[in-house]
Amino acid sequence: MPHHNLQSALWPCLALACWLQTAAAEEPKPATPARPAVVIPVIERAPADIAASQRQRTRNAGTRVAAVTATPTAPVAEPAAPAAPAHSSEWAYEGENGPQAWAKLAPEYAKCGSGERQSPIDLRDGMKLDLEPIAFEYRPSGFKVIDNGHTIQANIGGWNAMRVMGRRFKLVQLHFHRPSEEMIDGRQFDMVAHLVHKDSEGRLAVVAVLIENGARQPAIQAVLNNLPLEKGEEMPAATNLDLNQILPENRRYFTYMGSLTTPPCSEDVLWVVMKQPVQASADQLNLFARLYPMNARPVQSAAGRMIKESN
């Protein structure tokens, strides 16, 4: 075919291709469609299927109710109860929380086990010296009585004091132990009264008055007359208490450095133990024994401490 004839024949096809290419280039591209939202399909169930499902739920609910209300044929395991502590922090004079365990009951009681100057002690081999007399400044004062769960205690009002070793101590309270916590050359007494004093710097001094069976003691009776009906309640007394009545006539004494005889067993306590005991009647001793038959800490090691004794 002649060249001009071939070009004439192809021209309509080339023109059509160019037009299609131009049209395609000019045609706007469609925007990218947004991500369709996730649609959770609803599963349609036939009425018969729905009814069957409801019957199954009813049977399951009935089974659960029966399991709760009916007596099971096999025992159901109960959740384990928390283990009780070996000791509570409430100390005692006997049993598992007795003196042998005090140091373990609470961190603040550690001195009861680790202290090196603990009280009470057996007073023997004292250095006999011409010790200055104790100046007791006691006068009739108001008081309140409380049964604190460990002893009977009288909290003393007003101003009562003693002077010893150049210091003045104010009387705070007195309480009782049965039998006596202190011993003298191995001898223990029926009871002891501890008269607790404190100076202006917070240092403690305790006067121990040993008690034996004998005549009726008026100061002890005044305390017993005002016993509260409930433990932990403080009973104000209608009369005054004169603690000169509980002091022995002979004022010679032992003295040493020790501790409180109850938790927390704090040390650096000045002890003054009167050498001569006073008397209390059998009725008075027995009445206290009905409340506290034994509330005395065992004697502790003297550990080489200096013990002074009045000539």
Protein backbone atom coordinates (compact mmCIF):
# COMPACT_ATOMS: atom_id res chain seq x y z
CA MET A 1 0.00 0.00 0.00
CA PRO A 2 1.34 3.41 -0.84
CA HIS A 3 2.59 5.34 2.14
CA HIS A 4 0.08 8.13 1.89
CA ASN A 5 -2.76 5.67 1.70
CA LEU A 6 -1.59 3.91 4.93
CA GLN A 7 -1.34 7.21 6.79
CA SER A 8 -4.80 8.18 5.66
CA ALA A 9 -6.18 4.89 6.90
CA LEU A 10 -4.55 5.12 10.39
CA TRP A 11 -5.37 8.72 11.01
CA PRO A 12 -8.88 8.20 12.39
CA CYS A 13 -7.56 5.55 14.86
CA LEU A 14 -4.72 7.80 16.07
CA ALA A 15 -7.08 10.70 16.54
CA LEU A 16 -9.44 8.53 18.60
CA ALA A 17 -6.57 7.26 20.85
CA CYS A 18 -5.33 10.77 21.53
CA TRP A 19 -8.82 11.91 22.42
CA LEU A 20 -9.31 9.03 24.89
CA GLN A 21 -5.91 9.74 26.54
CA THR A 22 -6.70 13.44 26.90
CA ALA A 23 -10.13 12.72 28.30
CA ALA A 24 -8.68 10.30 30.83
CA ALA A 25 -6.08 12.87 31.96
CA GLU A 26 -8.66 15.62 32.35
CA GLU A 27 -11.25 13.51 34.16
CA PRO A 28 -11.07 14.20 37.98
CA LYS A 29 -10.07 11.21 40.16
CA PRO A 30 -12.63 10.18 42.70
CA ALA A 31 -11.71 10.92 46.36
CA THR A 32 -10.51 7.99 48.49
CA PRO A 33 -13.55 6.79 50.40
CA ALA A 34 -13.42 7.11 54.26
CA ARG A 35 -12.90 3.96 56.34
CA PRO A 36 -16.35 2.59 56.93
CA ALA A 37 -17.46 2.44 60.59
CA VAL A 38 -17.30 -0.96 62.18
CA VAL A 39 -20.81 -2.22 62.46
CA ILE A 40 -21.53 -5.13 64.78
CA PRO A 41 -24.06 -7.19 62.94
CA VAL A 42 -27.22 -8.06 64.74
CA ILE A 43 -27.75 -11.74 64.56
CA GLU A 44 -31.31 -12.41 63.90
CA ARG A 45 -32.66 -15.55 65.43
CA ALA A 46 -35.83 -17.29 64.78
CA PRO A 47 -38.57 -17.08 67.46
CA ALA A 48 -38.09 -20.77 68.19
CA ASP A 49 -34.40 -20.21 68.89
CA ILE A 50 -35.18 -17.28 71.21
CA ALA A 51 -37.73 -19.29 73.13
CA ALA A 52 -35.25 -22.18 73.54
CA SER A 53 -32.56 -19.80 74.82
CA GLN A 54 -34.95 -18.29 77.40
CA ARG A 55 -35.88 -21.79 78.63
CA GLN A 56 -32.16 -22.64 79.00
CA ARG A 57 -31.51 -19.44 81.02
CA THR A 58 -34.45 -20.25 83.29
CA ARG A 59 -33.09 -23.76 83.87
CA ASN A 60 -29.62 -22.32 84.66
CA ALA A 61 -31.07 -19.78 87.12
CA GLY A 62 -33.04 -22.52 88.84
CA THR A 63 -29.91 -24.61 89.14
CA ARG A 64 -28.03 -21.70 90.79
CA VAL A 65 -30.84 -21.02 93.27
CA ALA A 66 -31.03 -24.69 94.15
CA ALA A 67 -27.27 -24.77 94.70
CA VAL A 68 -27.56 -21.91 97.21
CA THR A 69 -30.70 -22.99 99.05
CA ALA A 70 -30.44 -26.74 99.03
CA THR A 71 -28.14 -28.77 101.25
CA PRO A 72 -25.26 -29.85 99.03
CA THR A 73 -24.54 -33.51 98.76
CA ALA A 74 -20.81 -32.78 99.07
CA PRO A 75 -19.29 -30.34 101.60
CA VAL A 76 -18.49 -26.91 100.21
CA ALA A 77 -15.03 -25.64 101.12
CA GLU A 78 -15.20 -22.52 103.31
CA PRO A 79 -12.63 -19.76 102.81
CA ALA A 80 -9.79 -20.13 105.29
CA ALA A 81 -10.02 -17.79 108.27
CA PRO A 82 -7.03 -15.51 108.80
CA ALA A 83 -4.55 -16.98 111.23
CA ALA A 84 -4.76 -15.43 114.70
CA PRO A 85 -1.59 -13.76 115.95
CA ALA A 86 0.45 -15.69 118.44
CA HIS A 87 -0.01 -12.88 120.98
CA SER A 88 -2.12 -9.78 121.33
CA SER A 89 -0.56 -6.56 122.58
CA GLU A 90 -2.52 -6.86 125.84
CA TRP A 91 -0.03 -8.03 128.45
CA ALA A 92 -0.88 -10.19 131.43
CA TYR A 93 0.73 -11.74 134.49
CA GLU A 94 0.05 -15.33 133.52
CA GLY A 95 -0.47 -17.41 130.38
CA GLU A 96 0.91 -16.85 126.89
CA ASN A 97 1.00 -13.05 127.36
CA GLY A 98 2.69 -13.30 130.75
CA PRO A 99 6.00 -11.67 131.77
CA GLN A 100 8.05 -14.09 129.68
CA ALA A 101 6.35 -12.73 126.53
CA TRP A 102 6.08 -9.01 127.29
CA ALA A 103 9.07 -8.03 125.15
CA LYS A 104 7.49 -9.71 122.10
CA LEU A 105 4.04 -8.15 122.37
CA ALA A 106 4.94 -4.70 121.01
CA PRO A 107 8.12 -2.92 119.86
CA GLU A 108 7.83 -0.40 122.70
CA TYR A 109 7.99 -3.27 125.23
CA ALA A 110 11.46 -4.38 124.09
CA LYS A 111 13.12 -3.24 127.34
CA CYS A 112 11.14 -5.91 129.21
CA GLY A 113 13.48 -8.44 127.63
CA SER A 114 16.65 -6.53 126.76
CA GLY A 115 16.91 -4.10 129.67
CA GLU A 116 19.88 -4.38 132.01
CA ARG A 117 18.39 -2.52 134.99
CA GLN A 118 14.99 -4.10 135.41
CA SER A 119 12.73 -4.22 138.46
CA PRO A 120 11.77 -5.73 140.85
CA ILE A 121 14.81 -7.33 142.44
CA ASP A 122 15.63 -9.32 145.54
CA LEU A 123 17.24 -6.74 147.84
CA ARG A 124 20.26 -8.28 149.52
CA ASP A 125 23.89 -7.43 150.18
CA GLY A 126 23.13 -3.70 150.22
CA MET A 127 25.83 -1.21 151.11
CA LYS A 128 24.86 -0.01 154.59
CA LEU A 129 25.32 3.74 154.73
CA ASP A 130 24.11 6.77 156.66
CA LEU A 131 21.60 7.77 154.01
CA GLU A 132 19.74 11.06 154.30
CA PRO A 133 16.17 10.70 155.57
CA ILE A 134 13.41 10.96 152.98
CA ALA A 135 11.32 14.08 153.47
CA PHE A 136 7.68 13.13 152.79
CA GLU A 137 5.37 16.10 152.16
CA TYR A 138 2.04 14.30 152.15
CA ARG A 139 -1.27 15.88 153.18
CA PRO A 140 -4.94 14.80 152.91
CA SER A 141 -5.90 15.16 149.23
CA GLY A 142 -8.68 14.33 146.84
CA PHE A 143 -8.30 11.20 144.75
CA LYS A 144 -9.95 9.02 142.12
CA VAL A 145 -9.89 5.22 141.95
CA ILE A 146 -9.67 3.14 138.77
CA ASP A 147 -9.47 -0.57 138.05
CA ASN A 148 -7.19 -0.48 135.01
CA GLY A 149 -7.36 -4.22 134.28
CA HIS A 150 -4.01 -4.94 135.94
CA THR A 151 -4.39 -3.46 139.43
CA ILE A 152 -6.36 -1.02 141.58
CA GLN A 153 -4.93 2.48 141.25
CA ALA A 154 -5.62 5.75 143.08
CA ASN A 155 -4.80 8.93 141.15
CA ILE A 156 -3.85 11.61 143.66
CA GLY A 157 -4.86 15.27 143.40
CA GLY A 158 -3.39 18.29 145.12
CA TRP A 159 0.28 18.69 145.92
CA ASN A 160 2.03 15.80 147.63
CA ALA A 161 5.75 15.29 147.26
CA MET A 162 8.94 13.75 148.64
CA ARG A 163 12.52 14.98 148.70
CA VAL A 164 15.37 12.51 148.24
CA MET A 165 18.95 12.82 146.98
CA GLY A 166 18.54 16.55 146.47
CA ARG A 167 15.49 16.27 144.20
CA ARG A 168 11.80 16.87 144.76
CA PHE A 169 9.26 14.47 143.25
CA LYS A 170 5.49 15.06 143.08
CA LEU A 171 3.20 12.15 143.98
CA VAL A 172 1.09 11.10 141.00
CA GLN A 173 -0.59 7.81 141.94
CA LEU A 174 -0.37 4.65 143.99
CA HIS A 175 -1.32 1.08 143.11
CA PHE A 176 -0.98 -2.42 144.56
CA HIS A 177 0.59 -5.78 143.70
CA ARG A 178 -0.15 -9.15 145.24
CA PRO A 179 2.14 -10.70 146.39
CA SER A 180 4.87 -8.11 146.81
CA GLU A 181 7.09 -7.74 143.76
CA GLU A 182 10.13 -6.80 145.85
CA MET A 183 11.86 -9.29 148.10
CA ILE A 184 14.22 -8.64 151.00
CA ASP A 185 16.82 -11.38 151.40
CA GLY A 186 14.51 -13.79 149.58
CA ARG A 187 11.40 -12.95 151.64
CA GLN A 188 8.22 -12.01 149.77
CA PHE A 189 5.35 -10.17 151.47
CA ASP A 190 1.55 -10.40 151.13
CA MET A 191 1.22 -7.19 149.11
CA VAL A 192 3.07 -4.01 148.21
CA ALA A 193 1.92 -0.46 147.55
CA HIS A 194 3.83 1.48 144.90
CA LEU A 195 3.69 5.26 145.27
CA VAL A 196 4.72 6.74 141.90
CA HIS A 197 6.35 10.20 141.83
CA LYS A 198 7.62 12.43 139.02
CA ASP A 199 9.93 15.46 139.13
CA SER A 200 9.80 18.62 137.02
CA GLU A 201 12.02 17.02 134.35
CA GLY A 202 9.82 13.93 134.01
CA ARG A 203 12.10 11.56 135.93
CA LEU A 204 10.32 8.90 137.98
CA ALA A 205 10.79 7.77 141.57
CA VAL A 206 8.75 4.97 143.14
CA VAL A 207 8.38 4.35 146.86
CA ALA A 208 7.54 0.72 147.66
CA VAL A 209 5.74 0.03 150.94
CA LEU A 210 5.66 -3.68 151.80
CA ILE A 211 2.41 -4.99 153.35
CA GLU A 212 1.88 -7.98 155.63
CA ASN A 213 -1.16 -9.51 157.33
CA GLY A 214 -2.14 -7.76 160.55
CA ALA A 215 -4.19 -4.73 161.57
CA ARG A 216 -6.62 -2.88 159.38
CA GLN A 217 -4.99 -0.19 157.21
CA PRO A 218 -7.04 3.05 156.89
CA ALA A 219 -5.44 4.35 153.66
CA ILE A 220 -5.95 1.01 151.91
CA GLN A 221 -9.55 0.90 153.13
CA ALA A 222 -10.21 4.38 151.73
CA VAL A 223 -9.10 3.18 148.31
CA LEU A 224 -11.15 -0.04 148.50
CA ASN A 225 -14.25 1.90 149.59
CA ASN A 226 -14.19 3.78 146.29
CA LEU A 227 -13.79 0.87 143.89
CA PRO A 228 -15.62 1.58 140.60
CA LEU A 229 -18.23 -0.89 139.39
CA GLU A 230 -16.63 -1.24 135.95
CA LYS A 231 -13.05 -1.68 134.80
CA GLY A 232 -11.60 1.39 133.15
CA GLU A 233 -13.96 3.81 134.90
CA GLU A 234 -12.50 6.40 137.26
CA MET A 235 -14.45 6.86 140.51
CA PRO A 236 -14.02 10.24 142.28
CA ALA A 237 -13.88 9.75 146.04
CA ALA A 238 -16.06 11.85 148.33
CA THR A 239 -13.36 11.93 151.01
CA ASN A 240 -9.66 12.80 151.11
CA LEU A 241 -6.78 10.34 151.26
CA ASP A 242 -3.90 10.83 153.69
CA LEU A 243 -0.96 8.74 152.54
CA ASN A 244 0.99 9.47 155.71
CA GLN A 245 -1.15 6.63 157.08
CA ILE A 246 0.45 4.06 154.77
CA LEU A 247 4.07 4.95 155.58
CA PRO A 248 5.90 2.87 158.21
CA GLU A 249 7.12 4.49 161.41
CA ASN A 250 10.68 3.47 160.69
CA ARG A 251 11.74 5.35 157.56
CA ARG A 252 14.92 3.40 156.76
CA TYR A 253 15.04 2.23 153.17
CA PHE A 254 16.84 0.53 150.30
CA THR A 255 17.51 2.46 147.11
CA TYR A 256 18.72 1.49 143.64
CA MET A 257 18.18 2.36 139.98
CA GLY A 258 15.69 0.18 138.16
CA SER A 259 12.67 0.23 135.86
CA LEU A 260 8.92 0.19 135.76
CA THR A 261 7.67 -3.28 136.70
CA THR A 262 5.00 -3.26 133.96
CA PRO A 263 5.30 -2.71 130.19
CA PRO A 264 7.00 -0.78 128.67
CA CYS A 265 9.51 -1.54 131.50
CA SER A 266 11.21 1.86 131.05
CA GLU A 267 14.48 2.18 132.94
CA ASP A 268 16.19 5.05 134.83
CA VAL A 269 13.59 4.84 137.60
CA LEU A 270 14.76 5.66 141.13
CA TRP A 271 13.47 3.04 143.58
CA VAL A 272 13.04 3.59 147.33
CA VAL A 273 11.91 0.45 149.17
CA MET A 274 10.90 0.94 152.80
CA LYS A 275 12.58 -1.66 155.01
CA GLN A 276 9.78 -1.92 157.58
CA PRO A 277 6.49 -3.38 156.31
CA VAL A 278 3.06 -2.02 157.26
CA GLN A 279 0.00 -4.09 158.06
CA ALA A 280 -3.35 -4.68 156.37
CA SER A 281 -6.16 -6.86 157.66
CA ALA A 282 -6.94 -10.31 156.28
CA ASP A 283 -10.27 -8.93 155.00
CA GLN A 284 -8.49 -6.19 153.07
CA LEU A 285 -5.95 -8.59 151.62
CA ASN A 286 -8.66 -11.07 150.64
CA LEU A 287 -10.81 -8.39 149.02
CA PHE A 288 -7.95 -7.34 146.78
CA ALA A 289 -7.16 -11.01 146.07
CA ARG A 290 -10.71 -11.52 144.77
CA LEU A 291 -9.92 -8.95 142.07
CA TYR A 292 -6.25 -9.75 141.49
CA PRO A 293 -5.05 -12.99 143.11
CA MET A 294 -1.63 -12.57 141.42
CA ASN A 295 -0.35 -9.46 139.70
CA ALA A 296 3.36 -9.44 140.46
CA ARG A 297 6.24 -9.51 138.00
CA PRO A 298 8.95 -12.06 138.94
CA VAL A 299 12.18 -10.68 140.40
CA GLN A 300 14.80 -9.69 137.85
CA SER A 301 18.56 -10.03 137.94
CA ALA A 302 20.30 -7.37 140.00
CA ALA A 303 23.14 -7.57 137.43
CA GLY A 304 25.74 -6.14 139.79
CA ARG A 305 23.83 -2.91 140.46
CA MET A 306 24.66 -0.82 143.49
CA ILE A 307 22.08 -1.21 146.26
CA LYS A 308 22.25 1.23 149.14
CA GLU A 309 20.70 0.48 152.53
CA SER A 310 20.00 2.80 155.45
CA ASN A 311 21.78 1.98 158.71
